[in-house]
C-alpha cells in the first residue's frame, strides 16, 4: 500500500511484525497525544511520564500485560523522546504548537511530509 495521508507513517509504526502490536484503541490515544497534542488519560499520562506504579494503578483490569509492554516498547523505540520520560516532558510536549510537534514527528518518521505524499501519489 502506497501511503496517501500524512498519518499513514504513524499507524504503520504499529505493525505487529515490528514486535509492537499495540491495540487499536491505544494507537488512537497515542496519536491524539503525540501528533495532536491532546492531553492523555490518566493511565497513558502515567506511562508517558515514566511512572509505571501510577500507570498500573490506573490501568483498566482488562488491560493485558503484553499490550502494555508493546505500548511501552513502541514509546521507547518510536515516539519522539521529547514527549515522554517525565511529567515535565509531558507538560512541555502539550505546550508545543502544532507546527513544532509536526516538525518533530516528521523528523522522527511518524508523519509523512506533504512532499512525500505528493511523490507517493505521483508514483501510482
PDB file of N, CA and C in Angstrom:
ATOM      1  N   UNK A   1       0.835  -1.178   0.000  1.00  0.00           N
ATOM      2  CA  UNK A   1       0.000   0.000   0.000  1.00  0.00           C
ATOM      3  C   UNK A   1       0.885   1.249   0.000  1.00  0.00           C
ATOM      4  N   UNK A   2       0.644   2.132  -0.929  1.00  0.00           N
ATOM      5  CA  UNK A   2       1.380   3.375  -1.008  1.00  0.00           C
ATOM      6  C   UNK A   2       0.728   4.399  -0.086  1.00  0.00           C
ATOM      7  N   UNK A   3       1.510   5.001   0.826  1.00  0.00           N
ATOM      8  CA  UNK A   3       0.946   5.989   1.757  1.00  0.00           C
ATOM      9  C   UNK A   3       0.342   7.171   1.012  1.00  0.00           C
ATOM     10  N   UNK A   4      -0.859   7.551   1.419  1.00  0.00           N
ATOM     11  CA  UNK A   4      -1.548   8.662   0.783  1.00  0.00           C
ATOM     12  C   UNK A   4      -1.884   9.777   1.778  1.00  0.00           C
ATOM     13  N   UNK A   5      -1.711   9.506   3.069  1.00  0.00           N
ATOM     14  CA  UNK A   5      -2.027  10.504   4.090  1.00  0.00           C
ATOM     15  C   UNK A   5      -0.812  10.663   4.998  1.00  0.00           C
ATOM     16  N   UNK A   6      -0.667  11.850   5.562  1.00  0.00           N
ATOM     17  CA  UNK A   6       0.497  12.115   6.408  1.00  0.00           C
ATOM     18  C   UNK A   6       0.560  11.175   7.599  1.00  0.00           C
ATOM     19  N   UNK A   7      -0.611  10.775   8.142  1.00  0.00           N
ATOM     20  CA  UNK A   7      -0.608   9.931   9.338  1.00  0.00           C
ATOM     21  C   UNK A   7      -0.406   8.452   9.039  1.00  0.00           C
ATOM     22  N   UNK A   8      -0.325   8.059   7.775  1.00  0.00           N
ATOM     23  CA  UNK A   8      -0.074   6.648   7.442  1.00  0.00           C
ATOM     24  C   UNK A   8       1.220   6.154   8.080  1.00  0.00           C
ATOM     25  N   UNK A   9       2.230   7.010   8.155  1.00  0.00           N
ATOM     26  CA  UNK A   9       3.510   6.609   8.764  1.00  0.00           C
ATOM     27  C   UNK A   9       3.315   6.283  10.238  1.00  0.00           C
ATOM     28  N   UNK A  10       2.473   7.063  10.918  1.00  0.00           N
ATOM     29  CA  UNK A  10       2.227   6.826  12.344  1.00  0.00           C
ATOM     30  C   UNK A  10       1.622   5.445  12.557  1.00  0.00           C
ATOM     31  N   UNK A  11       0.551   5.158  11.857  1.00  0.00           N
ATOM     32  CA  UNK A  11      -0.136   3.882  12.069  1.00  0.00           C
ATOM     33  C   UNK A  11       0.674   2.696  11.544  1.00  0.00           C
ATOM     34  N   UNK A  12       1.492   2.932  10.548  1.00  0.00           N
ATOM     35  CA  UNK A  12       2.367   1.866  10.041  1.00  0.00           C
ATOM     36  C   UNK A  12       3.390   1.450  11.109  1.00  0.00           C
ATOM     37  N   UNK A  13       3.739   2.346  12.016  1.00  0.00           N
ATOM     38  CA  UNK A  13       4.739   2.048  13.049  1.00  0.00           C
ATOM     39  C   UNK A  13       4.258   1.012  14.061  1.00  0.00           C
ATOM     40  N   UNK A  14       2.973   0.685  14.027  1.00  0.00           N
ATOM     41  CA  UNK A  14       2.418  -0.313  14.947  1.00  0.00           C
ATOM     42  C   UNK A  14       2.335  -1.700  14.329  1.00  0.00           C
ATOM     43  N   UNK A  15       2.937  -1.888  13.193  1.00  0.00           N
ATOM     44  CA  UNK A  15       2.897  -3.177  12.509  1.00  0.00           C
ATOM     45  C   UNK A  15       3.289  -4.281  13.481  1.00  0.00           C
ATOM     46  N   UNK A  16       2.436  -5.296  13.656  1.00  0.00           N
ATOM     47  CA  UNK A  16       2.755  -6.384  14.604  1.00  0.00           C
ATOM     48  C   UNK A  16       4.079  -7.092  14.304  1.00  0.00           C
ATOM     49  N   UNK A  17       4.537  -7.046  13.048  1.00  0.00           N
ATOM     50  CA  UNK A  17       5.815  -7.689  12.719  1.00  0.00           C
ATOM     51  C   UNK A  17       6.999  -6.971  13.352  1.00  0.00           C
ATOM     52  N   UNK A  18       6.799  -5.724  13.793  1.00  0.00           N
ATOM     53  CA  UNK A  18       7.882  -4.992  14.457  1.00  0.00           C
ATOM     54  C   UNK A  18       8.016  -5.399  15.914  1.00  0.00           C
ATOM     55  N   UNK A  19       7.039  -6.142  16.408  1.00  0.00           N
ATOM     56  CA  UNK A  19       7.062  -6.546  17.811  1.00  0.00           C
ATOM     57  C   UNK A  19       6.253  -5.638  18.706  1.00  0.00           C
ATOM     58  N   UNK A  20       5.543  -4.656  18.135  1.00  0.00           N
ATOM     59  CA  UNK A  20       4.757  -3.727  18.925  1.00  0.00           C
ATOM     60  C   UNK A  20       3.293  -3.749  18.484  1.00  0.00           C
ATOM     61  N   UNK A  21       2.601  -4.860  18.724  1.00  0.00           N
ATOM     62  CA  UNK A  21       1.182  -4.945  18.345  1.00  0.00           C
ATOM     63  C   UNK A  21       0.291  -4.213  19.354  1.00  0.00           C
ATOM     64  N   UNK A  22       0.333  -2.904  19.324  1.00  0.00           N
ATOM     65  CA  UNK A  22      -0.426  -2.071  20.259  1.00  0.00           C
ATOM     66  C   UNK A  22      -1.905  -2.088  19.847  1.00  0.00           C
ATOM     67  N   UNK A  23      -2.821  -2.304  20.802  1.00  0.00           N
ATOM     68  CA  UNK A  23      -4.250  -2.309  20.478  1.00  0.00           C
ATOM     69  C   UNK A  23      -4.680  -1.020  19.771  1.00  0.00           C
ATOM     70  N   UNK A  24      -5.590  -1.146  18.818  1.00  0.00           N
ATOM     71  CA  UNK A  24      -6.047  -0.009  18.007  1.00  0.00           C
ATOM     72  C   UNK A  24      -6.536   1.149  18.876  1.00  0.00           C
ATOM     73  N   UNK A  25      -7.278   0.852  19.927  1.00  0.00           N
ATOM     74  CA  UNK A  25      -7.793   1.899  20.810  1.00  0.00           C
ATOM     75  C   UNK A  25      -6.640   2.729  21.383  1.00  0.00           C
ATOM     76  N   UNK A  26      -5.562   2.059  21.752  1.00  0.00           N
ATOM     77  CA  UNK A  26      -4.396   2.765  22.300  1.00  0.00           C
ATOM     78  C   UNK A  26      -3.644   3.496  21.208  1.00  0.00           C
ATOM     79  N   UNK A  27      -3.615   2.954  20.004  1.00  0.00           N
ATOM     80  CA  UNK A  27      -2.969   3.656  18.893  1.00  0.00           C
ATOM     81  C   UNK A  27      -3.614   5.020  18.707  1.00  0.00           C
ATOM     82  N   UNK A  28      -4.924   5.055  18.782  1.00  0.00           N
ATOM     83  CA  UNK A  28      -5.643   6.325  18.627  1.00  0.00           C
ATOM     84  C   UNK A  28      -5.344   7.275  19.784  1.00  0.00           C
ATOM     85  N   UNK A  29      -5.240   6.746  20.994  1.00  0.00           N
ATOM     86  CA  UNK A  29      -4.885   7.579  22.159  1.00  0.00           C
ATOM     87  C   UNK A  29      -3.464   8.142  21.982  1.00  0.00           C
ATOM     88  N   UNK A  30      -2.549   7.298  21.503  1.00  0.00           N
ATOM     89  CA  UNK A  30      -1.176   7.747  21.273  1.00  0.00           C
ATOM     90  C   UNK A  30      -1.135   8.801  20.169  1.00  0.00           C
ATOM     91  N   UNK A  31      -1.920   8.611  19.109  1.00  0.00           N
ATOM     92  CA  UNK A  31      -1.997   9.591  18.020  1.00  0.00           C
ATOM     93  C   UNK A  31      -2.492  10.935  18.564  1.00  0.00           C
ATOM     94  N   UNK A  32      -3.551  10.874  19.365  1.00  0.00           N
ATOM     95  CA  UNK A  32      -4.112  12.116  19.914  1.00  0.00           C
ATOM     96  C   UNK A  32      -3.086  12.880  20.744  1.00  0.00           C
ATOM     97  N   UNK A  33      -2.263  12.167  21.485  1.00  0.00           N
ATOM     98  CA  UNK A  33      -1.244  12.819  22.311  1.00  0.00           C
ATOM     99  C   UNK A  33      -0.021  13.222  21.486  1.00  0.00           C
ATOM    100  N   UNK A  34       0.592  12.261  20.810  1.00  0.00           N
ATOM    101  CA  UNK A  34       1.861  12.522  20.120  1.00  0.00           C
ATOM    102  C   UNK A  34       1.685  13.478  18.943  1.00  0.00           C
ATOM    103  N   UNK A  35       0.679  13.261  18.126  1.00  0.00           N
ATOM    104  CA  UNK A  35       0.503  14.058  16.914  1.00  0.00           C
ATOM    105  C   UNK A  35      -0.332  15.314  17.163  1.00  0.00           C
ATOM    106  N   UNK A  36      -1.465  15.148  17.832  1.00  0.00           N
ATOM    107  CA  UNK A  36      -2.381  16.280  18.010  1.00  0.00           C
ATOM    108  C   UNK A  36      -2.099  17.115  19.246  1.00  0.00           C
ATOM    109  N   UNK A  37      -1.332  16.575  20.207  1.00  0.00           N
ATOM    110  CA  UNK A  37      -1.014  17.322  21.410  1.00  0.00           C
ATOM    111  C   UNK A  37      -2.155  17.407  22.403  1.00  0.00           C
ATOM    112  N   UNK A  38      -3.057  16.413  22.362  1.00  0.00           N
ATOM    113  CA  UNK A  38      -4.158  16.378  23.323  1.00  0.00           C
ATOM    114  C   UNK A  38      -3.705  15.652  24.579  1.00  0.00           C
ATOM    115  N   UNK A  39      -4.125  16.137  25.721  1.00  0.00           N
ATOM    116  CA  UNK A  39      -3.725  15.530  26.996  1.00  0.00           C
ATOM    117  C   UNK A  39      -4.244  14.095  27.073  1.00  0.00           C
ATOM    118  N   UNK A  40      -3.361  13.154  27.400  1.00  0.00           N
ATOM    119  CA  UNK A  40      -3.796  11.757  27.500  1.00  0.00           C
ATOM    120  C   UNK A  40      -4.560  11.514  28.796  1.00  0.00           C
ATOM    121  N   UNK A  41      -5.290  10.381  28.834  1.00  0.00           N
ATOM    122  CA  UNK A  41      -5.981   9.986  30.052  1.00  0.00           C
ATOM    123  C   UNK A  41      -4.981   9.615  31.134  1.00  0.00           C
ATOM    124  N   UNK A  42      -5.481   9.349  32.331  1.00  0.00           N
ATOM    125  CA  UNK A  42      -4.619   9.089  33.486  1.00  0.00           C
ATOM    126  C   UNK A  42      -3.634   7.961  33.294  1.00  0.00           C
ATOM    127  N   UNK A  43      -4.095   6.835  32.751  1.00  0.00           N
ATOM    128  CA  UNK A  43      -3.212   5.691  32.530  1.00  0.00           C
ATOM    129  C   UNK A  43      -2.104   6.041  31.547  1.00  0.00           C
ATOM    130  N   UNK A  44      -2.480   6.584  30.386  1.00  0.00           N
ATOM    131  CA  UNK A  44      -1.480   6.914  29.372  1.00  0.00           C
ATOM    132  C   UNK A  44      -0.565   8.049  29.830  1.00  0.00           C
ATOM    133  N   UNK A  45      -1.103   9.024  30.545  1.00  0.00           N
ATOM    134  CA  UNK A  45      -0.270  10.111  31.064  1.00  0.00           C
ATOM    135  C   UNK A  45       0.802   9.554  31.995  1.00  0.00           C
ATOM    136  N   UNK A  46       0.427   8.600  32.831  1.00  0.00           N
ATOM    137  CA  UNK A  46       1.404   7.995  33.748  1.00  0.00           C
ATOM    138  C   UNK A  46       2.457   7.211  32.973  1.00  0.00           C
ATOM    139  N   UNK A  47       2.045   6.508  31.913  1.00  0.00           N
ATOM    140  CA  UNK A  47       3.014   5.765  31.095  1.00  0.00           C
ATOM    141  C   UNK A  47       3.989   6.742  30.445  1.00  0.00           C
ATOM    142  N   UNK A  48       3.482   7.813  29.840  1.00  0.00           N
ATOM    143  CA  UNK A  48       4.359   8.797  29.195  1.00  0.00           C
ATOM    144  C   UNK A  48       5.263   9.499  30.202  1.00  0.00           C
ATOM    145  N   UNK A  49       4.793   9.644  31.432  1.00  0.00           N
ATOM    146  CA  UNK A  49       5.606  10.278  32.470  1.00  0.00           C
ATOM    147  C   UNK A  49       6.616   9.320  33.086  1.00  0.00           C
ATOM    148  N   UNK A  50       6.588   8.066  32.638  1.00  0.00           N
ATOM    149  CA  UNK A  50       7.515   7.036  33.129  1.00  0.00           C
ATOM    150  C   UNK A  50       7.227   6.685  34.584  1.00  0.00           C
ATOM    151  N   UNK A  51       5.946   6.733  34.937  1.00  0.00           N
ATOM    152  CA  UNK A  51       5.507   6.411  36.296  1.00  0.00           C
ATOM    153  C   UNK A  51       4.659   5.142  36.226  1.00  0.00           C
ATOM    154  N   UNK A  52       5.319   4.004  36.167  1.00  0.00           N
ATOM    155  CA  UNK A  52       4.608   2.743  35.965  1.00  0.00           C
ATOM    156  C   UNK A  52       3.773   2.328  37.180  1.00  0.00           C
ATOM    157  N   UNK A  53       4.138   2.753  38.357  1.00  0.00           N
ATOM    158  CA  UNK A  53       3.323   2.426  39.536  1.00  0.00           C
ATOM    159  C   UNK A  53       1.950   3.102  39.413  1.00  0.00           C
ATOM    160  N   UNK A  54       1.945   4.365  39.033  1.00  0.00           N
ATOM    161  CA  UNK A  54       0.672   5.069  38.837  1.00  0.00           C
ATOM    162  C   UNK A  54      -0.070   4.488  37.646  1.00  0.00           C
ATOM    163  N   UNK A  55       0.647   4.181  36.578  1.00  0.00           N
ATOM    164  CA  UNK A  55       0.010   3.589  35.402  1.00  0.00           C
ATOM    165  C   UNK A  55      -0.671   2.276  35.776  1.00  0.00           C
ATOM    166  N   UNK A  56       0.016   1.443  36.543  1.00  0.00           N
ATOM    167  CA  UNK A  56      -0.558   0.162  36.942  1.00  0.00           C
ATOM    168  C   UNK A  56      -1.820   0.372  37.773  1.00  0.00           C
ATOM    169  N   UNK A  57      -1.809   1.376  38.640  1.00  0.00           N
ATOM    170  CA  UNK A  57      -2.979   1.619  39.486  1.00  0.00           C
ATOM    171  C   UNK A  57      -4.133   2.220  38.699  1.00  0.00           C
ATOM    172  N   UNK A  58      -3.851   2.853  37.574  1.00  0.00           N
ATOM    173  CA  UNK A  58      -4.895   3.472  36.753  1.00  0.00           C
ATOM    174  C   UNK A  58      -5.314   2.606  35.572  1.00  0.00           C
ATOM    175  N   UNK A  59      -4.658   1.496  35.389  1.00  0.00           N
ATOM    176  CA  UNK A  59      -4.956   0.613  34.268  1.00  0.00           C
ATOM    177  C   UNK A  59      -6.289  -0.093  34.474  1.00  0.00           C
ATOM    178  N   UNK A  60      -7.020  -0.235  33.397  1.00  0.00           N
ATOM    179  CA  UNK A  60      -8.283  -0.982  33.441  1.00  0.00           C
ATOM    180  C   UNK A  60      -7.968  -2.448  33.726  1.00  0.00           C
ATOM    181  N   UNK A  61      -8.776  -3.109  34.525  1.00  0.00           N
ATOM    182  CA  UNK A  61      -8.493  -4.520  34.875  1.00  0.00           C
ATOM    183  C   UNK A  61      -8.375  -5.449  33.662  1.00  0.00           C
ATOM    184  N   UNK A  62      -8.999  -5.094  32.546  1.00  0.00           N
ATOM    185  CA  UNK A  62      -8.948  -5.956  31.366  1.00  0.00           C
ATOM    186  C   UNK A  62      -7.732  -5.696  30.471  1.00  0.00           C
ATOM    187  N   UNK A  63      -6.957  -4.649  30.793  1.00  0.00           N
ATOM    188  CA  UNK A  63      -5.741  -4.398  30.008  1.00  0.00           C
ATOM    189  C   UNK A  63      -4.787  -5.562  30.189  1.00  0.00           C
ATOM    190  N   UNK A  64      -4.274  -6.045  29.077  1.00  0.00           N
ATOM    191  CA  UNK A  64      -3.354  -7.184  29.119  1.00  0.00           C
ATOM    192  C   UNK A  64      -1.920  -6.695  29.240  1.00  0.00           C
ATOM    193  N   UNK A  65      -1.141  -7.400  30.029  1.00  0.00           N
ATOM    194  CA  UNK A  65       0.248  -7.023  30.267  1.00  0.00           C
ATOM    195  C   UNK A  65       1.048  -6.971  28.968  1.00  0.00           C
ATOM    196  N   UNK A  66       0.822  -7.917  28.053  1.00  0.00           N
ATOM    197  CA  UNK A  66       1.551  -7.916  26.778  1.00  0.00           C
ATOM    198  C   UNK A  66       1.250  -6.663  25.965  1.00  0.00           C
ATOM    199  N   UNK A  67       0.007  -6.187  26.023  1.00  0.00           N
ATOM    200  CA  UNK A  67      -0.350  -4.960  25.313  1.00  0.00           C
ATOM    201  C   UNK A  67       0.357  -3.755  25.941  1.00  0.00           C
ATOM    202  N   UNK A  68       0.419  -3.733  27.267  1.00  0.00           N
ATOM    203  CA  UNK A  68       1.113  -2.639  27.962  1.00  0.00           C
ATOM    204  C   UNK A  68       2.596  -2.662  27.604  1.00  0.00           C
ATOM    205  N   UNK A  69       3.195  -3.841  27.594  1.00  0.00           N
ATOM    206  CA  UNK A  69       4.616  -3.958  27.207  1.00  0.00           C
ATOM    207  C   UNK A  69       4.834  -3.487  25.780  1.00  0.00           C
ATOM    208  N   UNK A  70       3.947  -3.878  24.877  1.00  0.00           N
ATOM    209  CA  UNK A  70       4.081  -3.456  23.479  1.00  0.00           C
ATOM    210  C   UNK A  70       3.999  -1.942  23.353  1.00  0.00           C
ATOM    211  N   UNK A  71       3.076  -1.345  24.088  1.00  0.00           N
ATOM    212  CA  UNK A  71       2.957   0.108  24.043  1.00  0.00           C
ATOM    213  C   UNK A  71       4.222   0.767  24.593  1.00  0.00           C
ATOM    214  N   UNK A  72       4.747   0.255  25.687  1.00  0.00           N
ATOM    215  CA  UNK A  72       5.977   0.816  26.258  1.00  0.00           C
ATOM    216  C   UNK A  72       7.145   0.669  25.286  1.00  0.00           C
ATOM    217  N   UNK A  73       7.240  -0.468  24.627  1.00  0.00           N
ATOM    218  CA  UNK A  73       8.305  -0.665  23.628  1.00  0.00           C
ATOM    219  C   UNK A  73       8.150   0.325  22.480  1.00  0.00           C
ATOM    220  N   UNK A  74       6.904   0.533  22.035  1.00  0.00           N
ATOM    221  CA  UNK A  74       6.666   1.489  20.956  1.00  0.00           C
ATOM    222  C   UNK A  74       7.103   2.883  21.391  1.00  0.00           C
ATOM    223  N   UNK A  75       6.720   3.273  22.603  1.00  0.00           N
ATOM    224  CA  UNK A  75       7.079   4.601  23.098  1.00  0.00           C
ATOM    225  C   UNK A  75       8.603   4.745  23.157  1.00  0.00           C
ATOM    226  N   UNK A  76       9.279   3.764  23.734  1.00  0.00           N
ATOM    227  CA  UNK A  76      10.734   3.858  23.899  1.00  0.00           C
ATOM    228  C   UNK A  76      11.483   3.839  22.564  1.00  0.00           C
ATOM    229  N   UNK A  77      10.970   3.126  21.581  1.00  0.00           N
ATOM    230  CA  UNK A  77      11.683   2.953  20.317  1.00  0.00           C
ATOM    231  C   UNK A  77      11.184   3.824  19.181  1.00  0.00           C
ATOM    232  N   UNK A  78       9.982   4.383  19.302  1.00  0.00           N
ATOM    233  CA  UNK A  78       9.386   5.073  18.164  1.00  0.00           C
ATOM    234  C   UNK A  78       8.943   6.497  18.474  1.00  0.00           C
ATOM    235  N   UNK A  79       8.368   6.719  19.637  1.00  0.00           N
ATOM    236  CA  UNK A  79       7.857   8.048  19.985  1.00  0.00           C
ATOM    237  C   UNK A  79       9.007   9.041  20.124  1.00  0.00           C
ATOM    238  N   UNK A  80       8.757  10.306  19.798  1.00  0.00           N
ATOM    239  CA  UNK A  80       9.795  11.314  19.991  1.00  0.00           C
ATOM    240  C   UNK A  80      10.230  11.360  21.454  1.00  0.00           C
ATOM    241  N   UNK A  81      11.520  11.373  21.715  1.00  0.00           N
ATOM    242  CA  UNK A  81      11.988  11.384  23.106  1.00  0.00           C
ATOM    243  C   UNK A  81      11.549  12.631  23.878  1.00  0.00           C
ATOM    244  N   UNK A  82      11.184  13.678  23.157  1.00  0.00           N
ATOM    245  CA  UNK A  82      10.737  14.907  23.816  1.00  0.00           C
ATOM    246  C   UNK A  82       9.371  14.741  24.480  1.00  0.00           C
ATOM    247  N   UNK A  83       8.606  13.686  24.112  1.00  0.00           N
ATOM    248  CA  UNK A  83       7.223  13.587  24.594  1.00  0.00           C
ATOM    249  C   UNK A  83       7.035  12.603  25.735  1.00  0.00           C
ATOM    250  N   UNK A  84       8.106  11.984  26.211  1.00  0.00           N
ATOM    251  CA  UNK A  84       7.927  11.005  27.292  1.00  0.00           C
ATOM    252  C   UNK A  84       9.156  10.969  28.192  1.00  0.00           C
ATOM    253  N   UNK A  85       8.952  10.439  29.395  1.00  0.00           N
ATOM    254  CA  UNK A  85      10.065  10.250  30.316  1.00  0.00           C
ATOM    255  C   UNK A  85       9.878  10.903  31.675  1.00  0.00           C
ATOM    256  N   UNK A  86       9.061  11.956  31.722  1.00  0.00           N
ATOM    257  CA  UNK A  86       8.821  12.642  32.994  1.00  0.00           C
ATOM    258  C   UNK A  86       7.569  13.509  32.867  1.00  0.00           C
ATOM    259  N   UNK A  87       7.052  13.940  34.011  1.00  0.00           N
ATOM    260  CA  UNK A  87       5.905  14.856  33.996  1.00  0.00           C
ATOM    261  C   UNK A  87       6.264  16.141  33.256  1.00  0.00           C
ATOM    262  N   UNK A  88       7.485  16.612  33.459  1.00  0.00           N
ATOM    263  CA  UNK A  88       7.922  17.864  32.824  1.00  0.00           C
ATOM    264  C   UNK A  88       7.946  17.734  31.299  1.00  0.00           C
ATOM    265  N   UNK A  89       8.412  16.592  30.810  1.00  0.00           N
ATOM    266  CA  UNK A  89       8.443  16.384  29.357  1.00  0.00           C
ATOM    267  C   UNK A  89       7.034  16.312  28.779  1.00  0.00           C
ATOM    268  N   UNK A  90       6.125  15.655  29.489  1.00  0.00           N
ATOM    269  CA  UNK A  90       4.734  15.567  29.028  1.00  0.00           C
ATOM    270  C   UNK A  90       4.124  16.966  28.990  1.00  0.00           C
ATOM    271  N   UNK A  91       4.316  17.738  30.039  1.00  0.00           N
ATOM    272  CA  UNK A  91       3.774  19.098  30.079  1.00  0.00           C
ATOM    273  C   UNK A  91       4.368  19.964  28.970  1.00  0.00           C
ATOM    274  N   UNK A  92       5.673  19.841  28.737  1.00  0.00           N
ATOM    275  CA  UNK A  92       6.326  20.612  27.672  1.00  0.00           C
ATOM    276  C   UNK A  92       5.786  20.203  26.304  1.00  0.00           C
ATOM    277  N   UNK A  93       5.557  18.905  26.098  1.00  0.00           N
ATOM    278  CA  UNK A  93       5.033  18.425  24.815  1.00  0.00           C
ATOM    279  C   UNK A  93       3.641  19.006  24.558  1.00  0.00           C
ATOM    280  N   UNK A  94       2.842  19.061  25.598  1.00  0.00           N
ATOM    281  CA  UNK A  94       1.486  19.590  25.450  1.00  0.00           C
ATOM    282  C   UNK A  94       1.483  21.095  25.161  1.00  0.00           C
ATOM    283  N   UNK A  95       2.545  21.788  25.525  1.00  0.00           N
ATOM    284  CA  UNK A  95       2.645  23.233  25.270  1.00  0.00           C
ATOM    285  C   UNK A  95       3.157  23.549  23.866  1.00  0.00           C
ATOM    286  N   UNK A  96       3.711  22.564  23.157  1.00  0.00           N
ATOM    287  CA  UNK A  96       4.230  22.818  21.813  1.00  0.00           C
ATOM    288  C   UNK A  96       3.101  23.201  20.864  1.00  0.00           C
ATOM    289  N   UNK A  97       3.451  23.990  19.864  1.00  0.00           N
ATOM    290  CA  UNK A  97       2.463  24.321  18.829  1.00  0.00           C
ATOM    291  C   UNK A  97       2.313  23.132  17.882  1.00  0.00           C
ATOM    292  N   UNK A  98       1.247  23.159  17.114  1.00  0.00           N
ATOM    293  CA  UNK A  98       1.027  22.098  16.118  1.00  0.00           C
ATOM    294  C   UNK A  98       2.219  22.016  15.163  1.00  0.00           C
ATOM    295  N   UNK A  99       2.721  23.150  14.740  1.00  0.00           N
ATOM    296  CA  UNK A  99       3.847  23.185  13.808  1.00  0.00           C
ATOM    297  C   UNK A  99       5.100  22.558  14.429  1.00  0.00           C
ATOM    298  N   UNK A 100       5.358  22.851  15.688  1.00  0.00           N
ATOM    299  CA  UNK A 100       6.521  22.284  16.364  1.00  0.00           C
ATOM    300  C   UNK A 100       6.404  20.764  16.490  1.00  0.00           C
ATOM    301  N   UNK A 101       5.223  20.284  16.918  1.00  0.00           N
ATOM    302  CA  UNK A 101       5.011  18.833  17.034  1.00  0.00           C
ATOM    303  C   UNK A 101       5.125  18.157  15.676  1.00  0.00           C
ATOM    304  N   UNK A 102       4.528  18.767  14.655  1.00  0.00           N
ATOM    305  CA  UNK A 102       4.561  18.192  13.316  1.00  0.00           C
ATOM    306  C   UNK A 102       5.991  18.054  12.826  1.00  0.00           C
ATOM    307  N   UNK A 103       6.788  19.080  13.009  1.00  0.00           N
ATOM    308  CA  UNK A 103       8.191  19.043  12.564  1.00  0.00           C
ATOM    309  C   UNK A 103       8.943  17.907  13.271  1.00  0.00           C
ATOM    310  N   UNK A 104       8.774  17.794  14.580  1.00  0.00           N
ATOM    311  CA  UNK A 104       9.447  16.742  15.339  1.00  0.00           C
ATOM    312  C   UNK A 104       8.978  15.372  14.864  1.00  0.00           C
ATOM    313  N   UNK A 105       7.680  15.224  14.660  1.00  0.00           N
ATOM    314  CA  UNK A 105       7.141  13.922  14.239  1.00  0.00           C
ATOM    315  C   UNK A 105       7.564  13.571  12.819  1.00  0.00           C
ATOM    316  N   UNK A 106       7.696  14.553  11.943  1.00  0.00           N
ATOM    317  CA  UNK A 106       8.219  14.290  10.597  1.00  0.00           C
ATOM    318  C   UNK A 106       9.670  13.836  10.677  1.00  0.00           C
ATOM    319  N   UNK A 107      10.463  14.517  11.495  1.00  0.00           N
ATOM    320  CA  UNK A 107      11.870  14.132  11.663  1.00  0.00           C
ATOM    321  C   UNK A 107      11.996  12.733  12.261  1.00  0.00           C
ATOM    322  N   UNK A 108      11.045  12.356  13.114  1.00  0.00           N
ATOM    323  CA  UNK A 108      11.045  11.042  13.765  1.00  0.00           C
ATOM    324  C   UNK A 108      10.490   9.958  12.835  1.00  0.00           C
ATOM    325  N   UNK A 109       9.912  10.375  11.693  1.00  0.00           N
ATOM    326  CA  UNK A 109       9.344   9.419  10.746  1.00  0.00           C
ATOM    327  C   UNK A 109       7.938   8.977  11.094  1.00  0.00           C
ATOM    328  N   UNK A 110       7.268   9.720  11.963  1.00  0.00           N
ATOM    329  CA  UNK A 110       5.898   9.371  12.349  1.00  0.00           C
ATOM    330  C   UNK A 110       4.845  10.040  11.485  1.00  0.00           C
ATOM    331  N   UNK A 111       5.231  11.026  10.728  1.00  0.00           N
ATOM    332  CA  UNK A 111       4.346  11.684   9.768  1.00  0.00           C
ATOM    333  C   UNK A 111       5.104  11.829   8.460  1.00  0.00           C
ATOM    334  N   UNK A 112       4.399  11.601   7.372  1.00  0.00           N
ATOM    335  CA  UNK A 112       4.982  11.891   6.078  1.00  0.00           C
ATOM    336  C   UNK A 112       4.844  13.385   5.817  1.00  0.00           C
ATOM    337  N   UNK A 113       5.821  13.953   5.142  1.00  0.00           N
ATOM    338  CA  UNK A 113       5.716  15.356   4.756  1.00  0.00           C
ATOM    339  C   UNK A 113       4.746  15.457   3.586  1.00  0.00           C
ATOM    340  N   UNK A 114       4.241  16.646   3.358  1.00  0.00           N
ATOM    341  CA  UNK A 114       3.353  16.862   2.212  1.00  0.00           C
ATOM    342  C   UNK A 114       4.070  16.482   0.911  1.00  0.00           C
ATOM    343  N   UNK A 115       5.354  16.793   0.832  1.00  0.00           N
ATOM    344  CA  UNK A 115       6.128  16.448  -0.365  1.00  0.00           C
ATOM    345  C   UNK A 115       6.182  14.935  -0.576  1.00  0.00           C
ATOM    346  N   UNK A 116       6.379  14.176   0.499  1.00  0.00           N
ATOM    347  CA  UNK A 116       6.399  12.717   0.384  1.00  0.00           C
ATOM    348  C   UNK A 116       5.051  12.188  -0.091  1.00  0.00           C
ATOM    349  N   UNK A 117       3.977  12.760   0.381  1.00  0.00           N
ATOM    350  CA  UNK A 117       2.643  12.328  -0.034  1.00  0.00           C
ATOM    351  C   UNK A 117       2.441  12.602  -1.519  1.00  0.00           C
ATOM    352  N   UNK A 118       2.818  13.787  -1.966  1.00  0.00           N
ATOM    353  CA  UNK A 118       2.674  14.124  -3.390  1.00  0.00           C
ATOM    354  C   UNK A 118       3.461  13.139  -4.241  1.00  0.00           C
ATOM    355  N   UNK A 119       4.693  12.847  -3.853  1.00  0.00           N
ATOM    356  CA  UNK A 119       5.501  11.892  -4.622  1.00  0.00           C
ATOM    357  C   UNK A 119       4.874  10.504  -4.617  1.00  0.00           C
ATOM    358  N   UNK A 120       4.317  10.090  -3.493  1.00  0.00           N
ATOM    359  CA  UNK A 120       3.647   8.785  -3.430  1.00  0.00           C
ATOM    360  C   UNK A 120       2.440   8.728  -4.356  1.00  0.00           C
ATOM    361  N   UNK A 121       1.693   9.813  -4.414  1.00  0.00           N
ATOM    362  CA  UNK A 121       0.524   9.869  -5.308  1.00  0.00           C
ATOM    363  C   UNK A 121       0.985   9.844  -6.754  1.00  0.00           C
ATOM    364  N   UNK A 122       2.031  10.601  -7.076  1.00  0.00           N
ATOM    365  CA  UNK A 122       2.531  10.652  -8.454  1.00  0.00           C
ATOM    366  C   UNK A 122       3.142   9.311  -8.901  1.00  0.00           C
ATOM    367  N   UNK A 123       3.710   8.563  -7.948  1.00  0.00           N
ATOM    368  CA  UNK A 123       4.284   7.242  -8.263  1.00  0.00           C
ATOM    369  C   UNK A 123       3.227   6.292  -8.785  1.00  0.00           C
ATOM    370  N   UNK A 124       2.037   6.403  -8.221  1.00  0.00           N
ATOM    371  CA  UNK A 124       0.951   5.499  -8.612  1.00  0.00           C
ATOM    372  C   UNK A 124       0.456   5.894  -9.952  1.00  0.00           C
TER     373      UNK A 124
END
